[in-house]
PDB file of N, CA and C in Angstrom:
ATOM      1  N   MET A   1      24.414 -73.137  -2.360  1.00  0.00           N
ATOM      2  CA  MET A   1      24.437 -73.164  -1.143  1.00  0.00           C
ATOM      3  C   MET A   1      23.134 -73.108  -0.474  1.00  0.00           C
ATOM      4  N   LYS A   2      23.059 -74.237   0.524  1.00  0.00           N
ATOM      5  CA  LYS A   2      21.715 -74.302   1.161  1.00  0.00           C
ATOM      6  C   LYS A   2      21.322 -73.356   2.417  1.00  0.00           C
ATOM      7  N   LYS A   3      20.167 -72.626   2.386  1.00  0.00           N
ATOM      8  CA  LYS A   3      19.908 -71.244   3.265  1.00  0.00           C
ATOM      9  C   LYS A   3      18.779 -72.187   4.118  1.00  0.00           C
ATOM     10  N   TYR A   4      18.996 -71.995   5.282  1.00  0.00           N
ATOM     11  CA  TYR A   4      17.912 -72.557   6.087  1.00  0.00           C
ATOM     12  C   TYR A   4      16.963 -71.242   6.837  1.00  0.00           C
ATOM     13  N   ILE A   5      15.881 -71.347   7.070  1.00  0.00           N
ATOM     14  CA  ILE A   5      15.228 -69.985   8.073  1.00  0.00           C
ATOM     15  C   ILE A   5      14.859 -70.327   9.348  1.00  0.00           C
ATOM     16  N   ILE A   6      15.411 -69.302  10.409  1.00  0.00           N
ATOM     17  CA  ILE A   6      15.148 -69.687  11.839  1.00  0.00           C
ATOM     18  C   ILE A   6      14.005 -68.808  12.168  1.00  0.00           C
ATOM     19  N   THR A   7      13.098 -69.179  12.801  1.00  0.00           N
ATOM     20  CA  THR A   7      12.253 -68.243  13.336  1.00  0.00           C
ATOM     21  C   THR A   7      12.185 -68.358  14.698  1.00  0.00           C
ATOM     22  N   VAL A   8      12.095 -67.353  15.475  1.00  0.00           N
ATOM     23  CA  VAL A   8      11.967 -67.371  16.750  1.00  0.00           C
ATOM     24  C   VAL A   8      10.605 -66.234  17.403  1.00  0.00           C
ATOM     25  N   VAL A   9       9.678 -66.576  18.092  1.00  0.00           N
ATOM     26  CA  VAL A   9       8.534 -65.874  18.592  1.00  0.00           C
ATOM     27  C   VAL A   9       8.464 -65.959  19.672  1.00  0.00           C
ATOM     28  N   GLY A  10       7.990 -65.300  20.736  1.00  0.00           N
ATOM     29  CA  GLY A  10       7.509 -65.132  21.954  1.00  0.00           C
ATOM     30  C   GLY A  10       7.920 -63.998  22.546  1.00  0.00           C
ATOM     31  N   LYS A  11       7.390 -64.057  24.227  1.00  0.00           N
ATOM     32  CA  LYS A  11       7.337 -62.861  25.159  1.00  0.00           C
ATOM     33  C   LYS A  11       8.873 -62.328  24.901  1.00  0.00           C
ATOM     34  N   ASP A  12       8.932 -61.111  25.150  1.00  0.00           N
ATOM     35  CA  ASP A  12      10.707 -60.444  24.944  1.00  0.00           C
ATOM     36  C   ASP A  12      10.997 -60.607  26.469  1.00  0.00           C
ATOM     37  N   SER A  13      12.321 -60.833  26.279  1.00  0.00           N
ATOM     38  CA  SER A  13      13.132 -60.784  27.263  1.00  0.00           C
ATOM     39  C   SER A  13      14.581 -60.898  27.021  1.00  0.00           C
ATOM     40  N   VAL A  14      15.255 -60.576  28.051  1.00  0.00           N
ATOM     41  CA  VAL A  14      16.648 -59.971  27.710  1.00  0.00           C
ATOM     42  C   VAL A  14      17.804 -61.517  27.247  1.00  0.00           C
ATOM     43  N   GLY A  15      18.638 -61.027  26.186  1.00  0.00           N
ATOM     44  CA  GLY A  15      19.341 -62.396  25.673  1.00  0.00           C
ATOM     45  C   GLY A  15      18.720 -63.332  24.725  1.00  0.00           C
ATOM     46  N   ILE A  16      17.299 -63.200  24.018  1.00  0.00           N
ATOM     47  CA  ILE A  16      17.039 -64.155  23.325  1.00  0.00           C
ATOM     48  C   ILE A  16      17.912 -63.710  21.676  1.00  0.00           C
ATOM     49  N   ILE A  17      18.490 -62.935  21.490  1.00  0.00           N
ATOM     50  CA  ILE A  17      19.501 -62.805  20.034  1.00  0.00           C
ATOM     51  C   ILE A  17      20.824 -63.450  20.599  1.00  0.00           C
ATOM     52  N   ALA A  18      21.243 -62.926  21.818  1.00  0.00           N
ATOM     53  CA  ALA A  18      22.620 -63.373  22.070  1.00  0.00           C
ATOM     54  C   ALA A  18      22.431 -65.281  22.389  1.00  0.00           C
ATOM     55  N   ARG A  19      21.368 -65.668  22.629  1.00  0.00           N
ATOM     56  CA  ARG A  19      21.491 -67.328  22.749  1.00  0.00           C
ATOM     57  C   ARG A  19      21.643 -67.930  21.500  1.00  0.00           C
ATOM     58  N   VAL A  20      20.312 -67.431  20.604  1.00  0.00           N
ATOM     59  CA  VAL A  20      20.580 -67.832  19.278  1.00  0.00           C
ATOM     60  C   VAL A  20      21.712 -68.052  18.396  1.00  0.00           C
ATOM     61  N   CYS A  21      22.242 -66.533  18.618  1.00  0.00           N
ATOM     62  CA  CYS A  21      23.363 -66.706  17.824  1.00  0.00           C
ATOM     63  C   CYS A  21      24.764 -67.040  18.419  1.00  0.00           C
ATOM     64  N   THR A  22      25.114 -67.043  19.809  1.00  0.00           N
ATOM     65  CA  THR A  22      26.032 -67.826  20.513  1.00  0.00           C
ATOM     66  C   THR A  22      26.025 -69.472  19.754  1.00  0.00           C
ATOM     67  N   TYR A  23      24.541 -70.063  20.166  1.00  0.00           N
ATOM     68  CA  TYR A  23      24.457 -71.569  19.262  1.00  0.00           C
ATOM     69  C   TYR A  23      25.110 -71.422  18.118  1.00  0.00           C
ATOM     70  N   LEU A  24      24.504 -70.743  16.931  1.00  0.00           N
ATOM     71  CA  LEU A  24      24.874 -70.894  15.869  1.00  0.00           C
ATOM     72  C   LEU A  24      26.239 -70.469  15.413  1.00  0.00           C
ATOM     73  N   SER A  25      27.201 -69.451  16.414  1.00  0.00           N
ATOM     74  CA  SER A  25      28.335 -69.086  16.326  1.00  0.00           C
ATOM     75  C   SER A  25      29.139 -70.726  16.367  1.00  0.00           C
ATOM     76  N   GLU A  26      28.814 -71.084  17.591  1.00  0.00           N
ATOM     77  CA  GLU A  26      29.538 -72.155  18.061  1.00  0.00           C
ATOM     78  C   GLU A  26      29.004 -73.514  17.284  1.00  0.00           C
ATOM     79  N   ASN A  27      28.339 -73.890  16.599  1.00  0.00           N
ATOM     80  CA  ASN A  27      28.136 -74.646  15.774  1.00  0.00           C
ATOM     81  C   ASN A  27      28.843 -74.187  14.058  1.00  0.00           C
ATOM     82  N   HIS A  28      29.419 -72.842  14.175  1.00  0.00           N
ATOM     83  CA  HIS A  28      29.755 -73.047  12.731  1.00  0.00           C
ATOM     84  C   HIS A  28      28.593 -72.611  11.735  1.00  0.00           C
ATOM     85  N   ALA A  29      27.705 -72.260  12.120  1.00  0.00           N
ATOM     86  CA  ALA A  29      26.185 -71.908  11.021  1.00  0.00           C
ATOM     87  C   ALA A  29      26.582 -70.325  10.848  1.00  0.00           C
ATOM     88  N   ASN A  30      26.679 -70.019   9.759  1.00  0.00           N
ATOM     89  CA  ASN A  30      26.757 -68.402   9.098  1.00  0.00           C
ATOM     90  C   ASN A  30      25.578 -67.640   8.883  1.00  0.00           C
ATOM     91  N   ILE A  31      25.254 -66.547   9.697  1.00  0.00           N
ATOM     92  CA  ILE A  31      23.929 -65.832   9.627  1.00  0.00           C
ATOM     93  C   ILE A  31      24.120 -64.887   8.387  1.00  0.00           C
ATOM     94  N   LEU A  32      23.428 -64.985   7.591  1.00  0.00           N
ATOM     95  CA  LEU A  32      23.308 -64.358   6.345  1.00  0.00           C
ATOM     96  C   LEU A  32      22.674 -63.021   6.549  1.00  0.00           C
ATOM     97  N   ASP A  33      21.483 -62.868   6.861  1.00  0.00           N
ATOM     98  CA  ASP A  33      20.363 -61.954   7.395  1.00  0.00           C
ATOM     99  C   ASP A  33      19.445 -62.205   8.638  1.00  0.00           C
ATOM    100  N   ILE A  34      19.699 -60.970   9.138  1.00  0.00           N
ATOM    101  CA  ILE A  34      18.823 -61.263  10.348  1.00  0.00           C
ATOM    102  C   ILE A  34      17.642 -60.029  10.670  1.00  0.00           C
ATOM    103  N   ALA A  35      16.521 -60.364  11.128  1.00  0.00           N
ATOM    104  CA  ALA A  35      15.676 -59.145  11.133  1.00  0.00           C
ATOM    105  C   ALA A  35      14.933 -59.435  12.582  1.00  0.00           C
ATOM    106  N   GLN A  36      14.315 -58.442  13.063  1.00  0.00           N
ATOM    107  CA  GLN A  36      13.736 -58.744  14.610  1.00  0.00           C
ATOM    108  C   GLN A  36      12.941 -57.573  15.028  1.00  0.00           C
ATOM    109  N   THR A  37      12.041 -57.793  15.690  1.00  0.00           N
ATOM    110  CA  THR A  37      10.918 -56.743  15.584  1.00  0.00           C
ATOM    111  C   THR A  37      10.308 -57.179  17.350  1.00  0.00           C
ATOM    112  N   ILE A  38      10.006 -56.238  18.312  1.00  0.00           N
ATOM    113  CA  ILE A  38       9.278 -56.319  19.254  1.00  0.00           C
ATOM    114  C   ILE A  38       7.921 -55.225  18.908  1.00  0.00           C
ATOM    115  N   VAL A  39       6.632 -56.183  19.259  1.00  0.00           N
ATOM    116  CA  VAL A  39       5.321 -55.440  19.437  1.00  0.00           C
ATOM    117  C   VAL A  39       4.485 -55.615  20.591  1.00  0.00           C
ATOM    118  N   SER A  40       4.314 -54.748  21.051  1.00  0.00           N
ATOM    119  CA  SER A  40       3.895 -54.636  22.454  1.00  0.00           C
ATOM    120  C   SER A  40       3.742 -56.059  23.321  1.00  0.00           C
ATOM    121  N   GLY A  41       5.332 -56.067  23.629  1.00  0.00           N
ATOM    122  CA  GLY A  41       6.566 -56.925  24.786  1.00  0.00           C
ATOM    123  C   GLY A  41       6.558 -58.208  24.025  1.00  0.00           C
ATOM    124  N   TYR A  42       6.162 -58.526  22.532  1.00  0.00           N
ATOM    125  CA  TYR A  42       6.293 -59.626  21.840  1.00  0.00           C
ATOM    126  C   TYR A  42       7.277 -59.485  20.704  1.00  0.00           C
ATOM    127  N   PHE A  43       8.325 -60.633  20.818  1.00  0.00           N
ATOM    128  CA  PHE A  43       9.571 -60.776  20.264  1.00  0.00           C
ATOM    129  C   PHE A  43       9.381 -61.570  19.056  1.00  0.00           C
ATOM    130  N   ASN A  44      10.039 -61.192  18.073  1.00  0.00           N
ATOM    131  CA  ASN A  44       9.655 -61.754  16.758  1.00  0.00           C
ATOM    132  C   ASN A  44      11.088 -61.754  15.654  1.00  0.00           C
ATOM    133  N   MET A  45      11.641 -63.077  15.742  1.00  0.00           N
ATOM    134  CA  MET A  45      13.123 -62.566  14.977  1.00  0.00           C
ATOM    135  C   MET A  45      13.073 -63.585  13.662  1.00  0.00           C
ATOM    136  N   MET A  46      13.928 -63.474  12.689  1.00  0.00           N
ATOM    137  CA  MET A  46      13.759 -64.281  11.512  1.00  0.00           C
ATOM    138  C   MET A  46      15.006 -63.928  11.012  1.00  0.00           C
ATOM    139  N   MET A  47      15.725 -65.404  10.952  1.00  0.00           N
ATOM    140  CA  MET A  47      17.122 -65.314  10.470  1.00  0.00           C
ATOM    141  C   MET A  47      17.407 -66.033   9.274  1.00  0.00           C
ATOM    142  N   ILE A  48      18.307 -66.174   8.428  1.00  0.00           N
ATOM    143  CA  ILE A  48      18.662 -66.697   7.099  1.00  0.00           C
ATOM    144  C   ILE A  48      20.235 -67.194   7.331  1.00  0.00           C
ATOM    145  N   VAL A  49      20.292 -68.348   7.763  1.00  0.00           N
ATOM    146  CA  VAL A  49      21.930 -69.218   8.019  1.00  0.00           C
ATOM    147  C   VAL A  49      22.173 -69.995   6.765  1.00  0.00           C
ATOM    148  N   ASP A  50      23.739 -69.989   6.954  1.00  0.00           N
ATOM    149  CA  ASP A  50      24.157 -71.187   5.964  1.00  0.00           C
ATOM    150  C   ASP A  50      24.728 -71.882   6.985  1.00  0.00           C
ATOM    151  N   PRO A  51      24.551 -73.382   6.994  1.00  0.00           N
ATOM    152  CA  PRO A  51      24.772 -74.026   7.875  1.00  0.00           C
ATOM    153  C   PRO A  51      26.197 -75.319   7.546  1.00  0.00           C
ATOM    154  N   GLU A  52      26.486 -74.737   6.089  1.00  0.00           N
ATOM    155  CA  GLU A  52      27.319 -75.728   5.463  1.00  0.00           C
ATOM    156  C   GLU A  52      28.411 -76.116   6.288  1.00  0.00           C
ATOM    157  N   LYS A  53      28.904 -75.636   7.176  1.00  0.00           N
ATOM    158  CA  LYS A  53      30.241 -76.084   8.047  1.00  0.00           C
ATOM    159  C   LYS A  53      30.106 -76.266   9.265  1.00  0.00           C
ATOM    160  N   CYS A  54      28.636 -76.666   9.408  1.00  0.00           N
ATOM    161  CA  CYS A  54      28.046 -77.370  10.550  1.00  0.00           C
ATOM    162  C   CYS A  54      28.467 -78.560  10.670  1.00  0.00           C
ATOM    163  N   GLU A  55      28.730 -79.129  11.699  1.00  0.00           N
ATOM    164  CA  GLU A  55      29.282 -80.428  11.923  1.00  0.00           C
ATOM    165  C   GLU A  55      27.993 -81.603  12.660  1.00  0.00           C
ATOM    166  N   LYS A  56      27.075 -80.728  13.112  1.00  0.00           N
ATOM    167  CA  LYS A  56      25.531 -81.233  13.524  1.00  0.00           C
ATOM    168  C   LYS A  56      24.787 -81.498  11.929  1.00  0.00           C
ATOM    169  N   SER A  57      23.950 -82.363  12.120  1.00  0.00           N
ATOM    170  CA  SER A  57      22.774 -82.733  11.221  1.00  0.00           C
ATOM    171  C   SER A  57      21.963 -81.460  11.310  1.00  0.00           C
ATOM    172  N   ILE A  58      21.087 -81.266  10.675  1.00  0.00           N
ATOM    173  CA  ILE A  58      19.977 -80.141  10.524  1.00  0.00           C
ATOM    174  C   ILE A  58      18.923 -80.554  11.732  1.00  0.00           C
ATOM    175  N   GLU A  59      18.701 -81.839  11.333  1.00  0.00           N
ATOM    176  CA  GLU A  59      17.678 -82.386  12.648  1.00  0.00           C
ATOM    177  C   GLU A  59      18.263 -82.179  13.845  1.00  0.00           C
ATOM    178  N   ALA A  60      19.492 -82.600  14.608  1.00  0.00           N
ATOM    179  CA  ALA A  60      20.209 -82.054  15.767  1.00  0.00           C
ATOM    180  C   ALA A  60      20.522 -80.536  15.916  1.00  0.00           C
ATOM    181  N   MET A  61      20.451 -79.813  14.949  1.00  0.00           N
ATOM    182  CA  MET A  61      20.074 -78.380  15.250  1.00  0.00           C
ATOM    183  C   MET A  61      18.551 -77.607  15.826  1.00  0.00           C
ATOM    184  N   ALA A  62      17.920 -78.423  14.901  1.00  0.00           N
ATOM    185  CA  ALA A  62      16.608 -78.233  15.018  1.00  0.00           C
ATOM    186  C   ALA A  62      16.047 -78.555  16.491  1.00  0.00           C
ATOM    187  N   ASP A  63      16.613 -79.843  16.995  1.00  0.00           N
ATOM    188  CA  ASP A  63      16.390 -80.493  18.581  1.00  0.00           C
ATOM    189  C   ASP A  63      16.951 -79.579  19.165  1.00  0.00           C
ATOM    190  N   ASP A  64      18.444 -78.742  19.068  1.00  0.00           N
ATOM    191  CA  ASP A  64      19.024 -78.344  20.133  1.00  0.00           C
ATOM    192  C   ASP A  64      18.235 -76.645  19.966  1.00  0.00           C
ATOM    193  N   LEU A  65      17.891 -76.020  18.970  1.00  0.00           N
ATOM    194  CA  LEU A  65      17.298 -74.939  19.100  1.00  0.00           C
ATOM    195  C   LEU A  65      15.876 -74.980  19.700  1.00  0.00           C
ATOM    196  N   ASP A  66      14.903 -75.940  19.357  1.00  0.00           N
ATOM    197  CA  ASP A  66      14.030 -76.342  20.256  1.00  0.00           C
ATOM    198  C   ASP A  66      14.115 -76.084  21.579  1.00  0.00           C
ATOM    199  N   ARG A  67      15.124 -76.965  22.162  1.00  0.00           N
ATOM    200  CA  ARG A  67      15.463 -77.079  23.552  1.00  0.00           C
ATOM    201  C   ARG A  67      15.924 -75.676  24.193  1.00  0.00           C
ATOM    202  N   ILE A  68      16.877 -74.950  23.285  1.00  0.00           N
ATOM    203  CA  ILE A  68      16.961 -73.787  23.920  1.00  0.00           C
ATOM    204  C   ILE A  68      15.785 -72.727  23.625  1.00  0.00           C
ATOM    205  N   GLY A  69      14.837 -72.706  22.907  1.00  0.00           N
ATOM    206  CA  GLY A  69      13.931 -71.902  22.928  1.00  0.00           C
ATOM    207  C   GLY A  69      12.843 -72.376  24.280  1.00  0.00           C
ATOM    208  N   GLU A  70      12.481 -73.449  24.659  1.00  0.00           N
ATOM    209  CA  GLU A  70      11.972 -74.176  25.880  1.00  0.00           C
ATOM    210  C   GLU A  70      12.726 -73.364  26.918  1.00  0.00           C
ATOM    211  N   GLU A  71      14.095 -73.397  27.307  1.00  0.00           N
ATOM    212  CA  GLU A  71      14.607 -72.632  28.255  1.00  0.00           C
ATOM    213  C   GLU A  71      14.515 -71.193  28.626  1.00  0.00           C
ATOM    214  N   ILE A  72      14.120 -70.506  27.313  1.00  0.00           N
ATOM    215  CA  ILE A  72      14.112 -69.291  27.222  1.00  0.00           C
ATOM    216  C   ILE A  72      13.315 -68.608  26.973  1.00  0.00           C
ATOM    217  N   GLY A  73      12.062 -69.255  27.045  1.00  0.00           N
ATOM    218  CA  GLY A  73      10.726 -69.180  26.699  1.00  0.00           C
ATOM    219  C   GLY A  73       9.883 -68.501  25.668  1.00  0.00           C
ATOM    220  N   VAL A  74      10.594 -69.021  24.500  1.00  0.00           N
ATOM    221  CA  VAL A  74      10.166 -68.736  23.168  1.00  0.00           C
ATOM    222  C   VAL A  74      10.061 -69.777  22.123  1.00  0.00           C
ATOM    223  N   ARG A  75       9.653 -69.956  20.840  1.00  0.00           N
ATOM    224  CA  ARG A  75       9.479 -70.940  20.177  1.00  0.00           C
ATOM    225  C   ARG A  75      10.304 -70.858  18.953  1.00  0.00           C
ATOM    226  N   ILE A  76      11.256 -71.712  18.464  1.00  0.00           N
ATOM    227  CA  ILE A  76      12.401 -71.584  17.945  1.00  0.00           C
ATOM    228  C   ILE A  76      12.269 -72.629  16.539  1.00  0.00           C
ATOM    229  N   HIS A  77      12.244 -72.395  15.173  1.00  0.00           N
ATOM    230  CA  HIS A  77      11.811 -73.278  14.288  1.00  0.00           C
ATOM    231  C   HIS A  77      12.913 -73.089  13.551  1.00  0.00           C
ATOM    232  N   LEU A  78      13.313 -74.107  12.556  1.00  0.00           N
ATOM    233  CA  LEU A  78      14.493 -74.259  12.104  1.00  0.00           C
ATOM    234  C   LEU A  78      13.861 -75.123  10.482  1.00  0.00           C
ATOM    235  N   GLN A  79      13.760 -74.396   9.536  1.00  0.00           N
ATOM    236  CA  GLN A  79      13.039 -75.503   8.248  1.00  0.00           C
ATOM    237  C   GLN A  79      14.062 -74.689   7.122  1.00  0.00           C
ATOM    238  N   HIS A  80      14.264 -75.626   5.930  1.00  0.00           N
ATOM    239  CA  HIS A  80      14.786 -75.337   4.802  1.00  0.00           C
ATOM    240  C   HIS A  80      14.198 -74.234   4.210  1.00  0.00           C
ATOM    241  N   GLU A  81      14.747 -73.260   3.497  1.00  0.00           N
ATOM    242  CA  GLU A  81      14.301 -72.072   2.638  1.00  0.00           C
ATOM    243  C   GLU A  81      12.660 -72.686   1.802  1.00  0.00           C
ATOM    244  N   ASP A  82      13.396 -73.352   0.840  1.00  0.00           N
ATOM    245  CA  ASP A  82      12.241 -74.087   0.020  1.00  0.00           C
ATOM    246  C   ASP A  82      10.636 -74.469   0.588  1.00  0.00           C
ATOM    247  N   ILE A  83      11.124 -74.965   2.067  1.00  0.00           N
ATOM    248  CA  ILE A  83       9.869 -75.364   2.579  1.00  0.00           C
ATOM    249  C   ILE A  83       9.018 -74.312   3.222  1.00  0.00           C
ATOM    250  N   PHE A  84       9.899 -73.313   3.674  1.00  0.00           N
ATOM    251  CA  PHE A  84       9.629 -71.894   3.977  1.00  0.00           C
ATOM    252  C   PHE A  84       8.982 -71.211   3.263  1.00  0.00           C
ATOM    253  N   ASN A  85       9.385 -70.974   1.862  1.00  0.00           N
ATOM    254  CA  ASN A  85       8.881 -70.338   0.569  1.00  0.00           C
ATOM    255  C   ASN A  85       7.372 -71.436   0.260  1.00  0.00           C
ATOM    256  N   MET A  86       7.296 -72.496   0.344  1.00  0.00           N
ATOM    257  CA  MET A  86       6.038 -72.863  -0.011  1.00  0.00           C
ATOM    258  C   MET A  86       5.253 -73.087   0.754  1.00  0.00           C
ATOM    259  N   MET A  87       5.307 -72.945   2.067  1.00  0.00           N
ATOM    260  CA  MET A  87       4.710 -72.434   3.602  1.00  0.00           C
ATOM    261  C   MET A  87       3.878 -71.318   3.310  1.00  0.00           C
ATOM    262  N   HIS A  88       4.722 -69.967   2.621  1.00  0.00           N
ATOM    263  CA  HIS A  88       4.103 -68.708   2.822  1.00  0.00           C
ATOM    264  C   HIS A  88       3.806 -68.152   1.294  1.00  0.00           C
ATOM    265  N   ARG A  89       3.288 -69.085   0.470  1.00  0.00           N
ATOM    266  CA  ARG A  89       3.075 -68.414  -0.876  1.00  0.00           C
ATOM    267  C   ARG A  89       1.599 -68.430  -0.852  1.00  0.00           C
ATOM    268  N   ILE A  90       1.444 -67.270  -1.638  1.00  0.00           N
ATOM    269  CA  ILE A  90       0.205 -66.684  -1.485  1.00  0.00           C
ATOM    270  C   ILE A  90      -0.649 -67.292  -2.921  1.00  0.00           C
TER     271      ILE A  90
END
């Protein structure tokens, strides 16, 4: 199973989780794990998703999520778990 990491960061507002989850559901991406926090008005969410049943390419999904992030005022980043892990190794 290929796993991808989605990170969402920005000023908190109503509907961030709903918008991202709705997009993933509409594109048949399975959410395997999700964690979110709000600190001093700033929203931070990390999701692990399995896009195996998605009809769109990962690149198209990344572009869509980037556009959604711009629309709702947050930064959304999608990357393969191997890249995420390599970037966050100590």
